[in-house]
Amino acid sequence: MVDVGDKPVTARTAVASGFVQMAAATVAAIRERRTPKGDPLEVARVAGIMAAKRTAELIPLCHPLPLNQADVQLEVRDDGIAITATARTDSKTGVEMEALTAASVAALTIYDMCKAIDKAMVITDIRLESKTGGRSGEYTRE
């Protein structure tokens, strides 16, 4: 692991996103709440939050962080589900991996919850949208 012992504690935030592309019939099933395993949106939201909290157990050499907040928002679109994950902490290292892990696991959960009706779904565009805090300063995707 990288030694962060001499770094100052700062407020840090990261926002990541992803997308699960799916057939129109799958989107309709989600909107009409008729998916075989239940509500994929709520389950994916909770799964993403849980994943953010356990990122250090999943990603080798990632520092365990005390999160002040983890949130996952899902937007149903005509061609799939857009995911936005946010993580916040006051720490010596950033929360980019927590936000990215939350978005990724939320996407995987949507796939799992809907695979019985659409095996052709595509998980795409997992990426960091923005981050604040720390020595490298702010970043916002253009």
C-alpha atoms as a PDB file:
ATOM      1  CA  MET A   1       0.000   0.000   0.000  1.00  0.00           C
ATOM      2  CA  VAL A   2       1.053   3.574  -0.546  1.00  0.00           C
ATOM      3  CA  ASP A   3       2.165   5.279   2.676  1.00  0.00           C
ATOM      4  CA  VAL A   4      -0.311   8.101   3.368  1.00  0.00           C
ATOM      5  CA  GLY A   5       0.829   8.641   6.952  1.00  0.00           C
ATOM      6  CA  ASP A   6       2.261  12.115   6.351  1.00  0.00           C
ATOM      7  CA  LYS A   7      -0.644  13.370   4.255  1.00  0.00           C
ATOM      8  CA  PRO A   8      -3.158  15.743   5.853  1.00  0.00           C
ATOM      9  CA  VAL A   9      -6.766  14.731   6.425  1.00  0.00           C
ATOM     10  CA  THR A  10      -8.988  16.595   3.957  1.00  0.00           C
ATOM     11  CA  ALA A  11     -12.617  16.447   2.894  1.00  0.00           C
ATOM     12  CA  ARG A  12     -12.855  14.314  -0.228  1.00  0.00           C
ATOM     13  CA  THR A  13     -15.689  13.516  -2.600  1.00  0.00           C
ATOM     14  CA  ALA A  14     -15.868  11.363  -5.721  1.00  0.00           C
ATOM     15  CA  VAL A  15     -18.664  10.800  -8.207  1.00  0.00           C
ATOM     16  CA  ALA A  16     -18.654   7.861 -10.632  1.00  0.00           C
ATOM     17  CA  SER A  17     -21.152   6.742 -13.231  1.00  0.00           C
ATOM     18  CA  GLY A  18     -22.095   3.775 -15.334  1.00  0.00           C
ATOM     19  CA  PHE A  19     -24.815   2.563 -17.631  1.00  0.00           C
ATOM     20  CA  VAL A  20     -26.649  -0.716 -18.182  1.00  0.00           C
ATOM     21  CA  GLN A  21     -27.905  -0.829 -21.745  1.00  0.00           C
ATOM     22  CA  MET A  22     -30.922  -3.075 -22.233  1.00  0.00           C
ATOM     23  CA  ALA A  23     -33.834  -3.869 -24.502  1.00  0.00           C
ATOM     24  CA  ALA A  24     -36.934  -1.690 -24.416  1.00  0.00           C
ATOM     25  CA  ALA A  25     -38.937  -4.645 -23.110  1.00  0.00           C
ATOM     26  CA  THR A  26     -36.586  -4.928 -20.124  1.00  0.00           C
ATOM     27  CA  VAL A  27     -36.928  -1.229 -19.377  1.00  0.00           C
ATOM     28  CA  ALA A  28     -40.710  -1.640 -19.532  1.00  0.00           C
ATOM     29  CA  ALA A  29     -40.562  -4.588 -17.115  1.00  0.00           C
ATOM     30  CA  ILE A  30     -38.564  -2.492 -14.653  1.00  0.00           C
ATOM     31  CA  ARG A  31     -40.940   0.460 -14.960  1.00  0.00           C
ATOM     32  CA  GLU A  32     -43.953  -1.821 -14.510  1.00  0.00           C
ATOM     33  CA  ARG A  33     -42.314  -3.622 -11.569  1.00  0.00           C
ATOM     34  CA  ARG A  34     -42.615  -7.054 -13.160  1.00  0.00           C
ATOM     35  CA  THR A  35     -39.078  -8.404 -12.998  1.00  0.00           C
ATOM     36  CA  PRO A  36     -38.707 -11.974 -11.658  1.00  0.00           C
ATOM     37  CA  LYS A  37     -36.403 -11.152  -8.729  1.00  0.00           C
ATOM     38  CA  GLY A  38     -38.153  -8.004  -7.514  1.00  0.00           C
ATOM     39  CA  ASP A  39     -37.221  -4.323  -7.778  1.00  0.00           C
ATOM     40  CA  PRO A  40     -33.767  -4.144  -9.391  1.00  0.00           C
ATOM     41  CA  LEU A  41     -33.435  -0.417  -8.751  1.00  0.00           C
ATOM     42  CA  GLU A  42     -33.728  -0.579  -4.986  1.00  0.00           C
ATOM     43  CA  VAL A  43     -31.618  -3.725  -4.702  1.00  0.00           C
ATOM     44  CA  ALA A  44     -28.908  -2.182  -6.929  1.00  0.00           C
ATOM     45  CA  ARG A  45     -28.918   1.012  -4.876  1.00  0.00           C
ATOM     46  CA  VAL A  46     -28.330  -0.888  -1.638  1.00  0.00           C
ATOM     47  CA  ALA A  47     -25.759  -3.206  -3.259  1.00  0.00           C
ATOM     48  CA  GLY A  48     -23.777  -0.226  -4.541  1.00  0.00           C
ATOM     49  CA  ILE A  49     -23.749   1.432  -1.125  1.00  0.00           C
ATOM     50  CA  MET A  50     -22.662  -1.809   0.528  1.00  0.00           C
ATOM     51  CA  ALA A  51     -19.905  -2.257  -2.055  1.00  0.00           C
ATOM     52  CA  ALA A  52     -18.565   1.255  -1.438  1.00  0.00           C
ATOM     53  CA  LYS A  53     -18.230   0.394   2.239  1.00  0.00           C
ATOM     54  CA  ARG A  54     -16.250  -2.780   1.437  1.00  0.00           C
ATOM     55  CA  THR A  55     -14.022  -1.507  -1.364  1.00  0.00           C
ATOM     56  CA  ALA A  56     -10.776  -2.190   0.514  1.00  0.00           C
ATOM     57  CA  GLU A  57     -11.788  -5.859   0.798  1.00  0.00           C
ATOM     58  CA  LEU A  58     -12.345  -6.094  -2.957  1.00  0.00           C
ATOM     59  CA  ILE A  59      -9.508  -4.034  -4.460  1.00  0.00           C
ATOM     60  CA  PRO A  60      -5.965  -5.097  -3.513  1.00  0.00           C
ATOM     61  CA  LEU A  61      -3.817  -2.370  -1.922  1.00  0.00           C
ATOM     62  CA  CYS A  62      -6.796  -0.031  -1.504  1.00  0.00           C
ATOM     63  CA  HIS A  63      -6.870   1.765   1.861  1.00  0.00           C
ATOM     64  CA  PRO A  64      -9.916   1.123   4.071  1.00  0.00           C
ATOM     65  CA  LEU A  65     -11.738   4.428   4.503  1.00  0.00           C
ATOM     66  CA  PRO A  66     -14.342   5.656   6.971  1.00  0.00           C
ATOM     67  CA  LEU A  67     -17.066   6.898   4.645  1.00  0.00           C
ATOM     68  CA  ASN A  68     -19.161   9.871   5.659  1.00  0.00           C
ATOM     69  CA  GLN A  69     -21.576   9.129   2.835  1.00  0.00           C
ATOM     70  CA  ALA A  70     -22.169   6.631   0.074  1.00  0.00           C
ATOM     71  CA  ASP A  71     -25.087   7.104  -2.299  1.00  0.00           C
ATOM     72  CA  VAL A  72     -26.257   5.518  -5.531  1.00  0.00           C
ATOM     73  CA  GLN A  73     -28.872   7.089  -7.786  1.00  0.00           C
ATOM     74  CA  LEU A  74     -30.460   5.221 -10.682  1.00  0.00           C
ATOM     75  CA  GLU A  75     -32.321   6.782 -13.589  1.00  0.00           C
ATOM     76  CA  VAL A  76     -34.506   4.689 -15.866  1.00  0.00           C
ATOM     77  CA  ARG A  77     -34.027   5.764 -19.481  1.00  0.00           C
ATOM     78  CA  ASP A  78     -35.559   4.405 -22.658  1.00  0.00           C
ATOM     79  CA  ASP A  79     -32.423   2.382 -23.452  1.00  0.00           C
ATOM     80  CA  GLY A  80     -31.343   1.328 -19.955  1.00  0.00           C
ATOM     81  CA  ILE A  81     -30.390   2.426 -16.465  1.00  0.00           C
ATOM     82  CA  ALA A  82     -28.002   5.308 -15.750  1.00  0.00           C
ATOM     83  CA  ILE A  83     -26.071   4.998 -12.488  1.00  0.00           C
ATOM     84  CA  THR A  84     -24.500   7.785 -10.442  1.00  0.00           C
ATOM     85  CA  ALA A  85     -22.529   6.873  -7.306  1.00  0.00           C
ATOM     86  CA  THR A  86     -21.143   9.351  -4.779  1.00  0.00           C
ATOM     87  CA  ALA A  87     -18.714   8.728  -1.918  1.00  0.00           C
ATOM     88  CA  ARG A  88     -17.528  11.208   0.725  1.00  0.00           C
ATOM     89  CA  THR A  89     -14.932  11.020   3.483  1.00  0.00           C
ATOM     90  CA  ASP A  90     -12.572  13.065   5.617  1.00  0.00           C
ATOM     91  CA  SER A  91      -9.353  11.144   5.132  1.00  0.00           C
ATOM     92  CA  LYS A  92      -5.747  11.095   3.928  1.00  0.00           C
ATOM     93  CA  THR A  93      -6.591   9.422   0.619  1.00  0.00           C
ATOM     94  CA  GLY A  94      -9.310   9.737  -2.006  1.00  0.00           C
ATOM     95  CA  VAL A  95     -12.630   7.965  -2.447  1.00  0.00           C
ATOM     96  CA  GLU A  96     -12.508   7.444  -6.207  1.00  0.00           C
ATOM     97  CA  MET A  97     -12.320   3.667  -5.851  1.00  0.00           C
ATOM     98  CA  GLU A  98     -15.313   3.628  -3.505  1.00  0.00           C
ATOM     99  CA  ALA A  99     -17.460   5.577  -5.978  1.00  0.00           C
ATOM    100  CA  LEU A 100     -16.291   3.435  -8.915  1.00  0.00           C
ATOM    101  CA  THR A 101     -16.918   0.228  -6.965  1.00  0.00           C
ATOM    102  CA  ALA A 102     -20.409   1.403  -6.011  1.00  0.00           C
ATOM    103  CA  ALA A 103     -21.280   2.167  -9.646  1.00  0.00           C
ATOM    104  CA  SER A 104     -19.840  -1.151 -10.838  1.00  0.00           C
ATOM    105  CA  VAL A 105     -21.624  -3.299  -8.286  1.00  0.00           C
ATOM    106  CA  ALA A 106     -24.897  -1.448  -8.848  1.00  0.00           C
ATOM    107  CA  ALA A 107     -24.566  -2.218 -12.573  1.00  0.00           C
ATOM    108  CA  LEU A 108     -23.768  -5.877 -11.909  1.00  0.00           C
ATOM    109  CA  THR A 109     -26.763  -6.103  -9.592  1.00  0.00           C
ATOM    110  CA  ILE A 110     -29.090  -4.694 -12.238  1.00  0.00           C
ATOM    111  CA  TYR A 111     -27.724  -7.292 -14.658  1.00  0.00           C
ATOM    112  CA  ASP A 112     -28.276 -10.077 -12.129  1.00  0.00           C
ATOM    113  CA  MET A 113     -31.793  -8.913 -11.298  1.00  0.00           C
ATOM    114  CA  CYS A 114     -32.821  -8.703 -14.976  1.00  0.00           C
ATOM    115  CA  LYS A 115     -30.817 -11.470 -16.678  1.00  0.00           C
ATOM    116  CA  ALA A 116     -33.807 -13.817 -16.695  1.00  0.00           C
ATOM    117  CA  ILE A 117     -35.512 -11.521 -19.203  1.00  0.00           C
ATOM    118  CA  ASP A 118     -32.504 -10.004 -21.021  1.00  0.00           C
ATOM    119  CA  LYS A 119     -29.152 -11.749 -21.228  1.00  0.00           C
ATOM    120  CA  ALA A 120     -27.950  -9.304 -23.906  1.00  0.00           C
ATOM    121  CA  MET A 121     -27.652  -6.338 -21.505  1.00  0.00           C
ATOM    122  CA  VAL A 122     -24.367  -4.449 -21.703  1.00  0.00           C
ATOM    123  CA  ILE A 123     -22.632  -2.756 -18.777  1.00  0.00           C
ATOM    124  CA  THR A 124     -20.795   0.264 -20.102  1.00  0.00           C
ATOM    125  CA  ASP A 125     -19.200   3.614 -19.303  1.00  0.00           C
ATOM    126  CA  ILE A 126     -18.030   2.934 -15.743  1.00  0.00           C
ATOM    127  CA  ARG A 127     -15.984   6.067 -15.117  1.00  0.00           C
ATOM    128  CA  LEU A 128     -14.974   8.762 -12.682  1.00  0.00           C
ATOM    129  CA  GLU A 129     -17.001  11.931 -13.235  1.00  0.00           C
ATOM    130  CA  SER A 130     -15.442  14.157 -10.600  1.00  0.00           C
ATOM    131  CA  LYS A 131     -13.387  14.262  -7.453  1.00  0.00           C
ATOM    132  CA  THR A 132     -12.461  16.896  -4.894  1.00  0.00           C
ATOM    133  CA  GLY A 133      -9.878  17.136  -2.132  1.00  0.00           C
ATOM    134  CA  GLY A 134      -6.353  15.960  -1.703  1.00  0.00           C
ATOM    135  CA  ARG A 135      -3.022  17.013  -3.152  1.00  0.00           C
ATOM    136  CA  SER A 136      -4.081  16.530  -6.780  1.00  0.00           C
ATOM    137  CA  GLY A 137      -7.028  18.912  -6.288  1.00  0.00           C
ATOM    138  CA  GLU A 138     -10.244  18.853  -8.243  1.00  0.00           C
ATOM    139  CA  TYR A 139     -11.081  16.854 -11.335  1.00  0.00           C
ATOM    140  CA  THR A 140     -14.216  17.085 -13.467  1.00  0.00           C
ATOM    141  CA  ARG A 141     -14.736  15.033 -16.613  1.00  0.00           C
ATOM    142  CA  GLU A 142     -15.261  17.220 -19.659  1.00  0.00           C
END
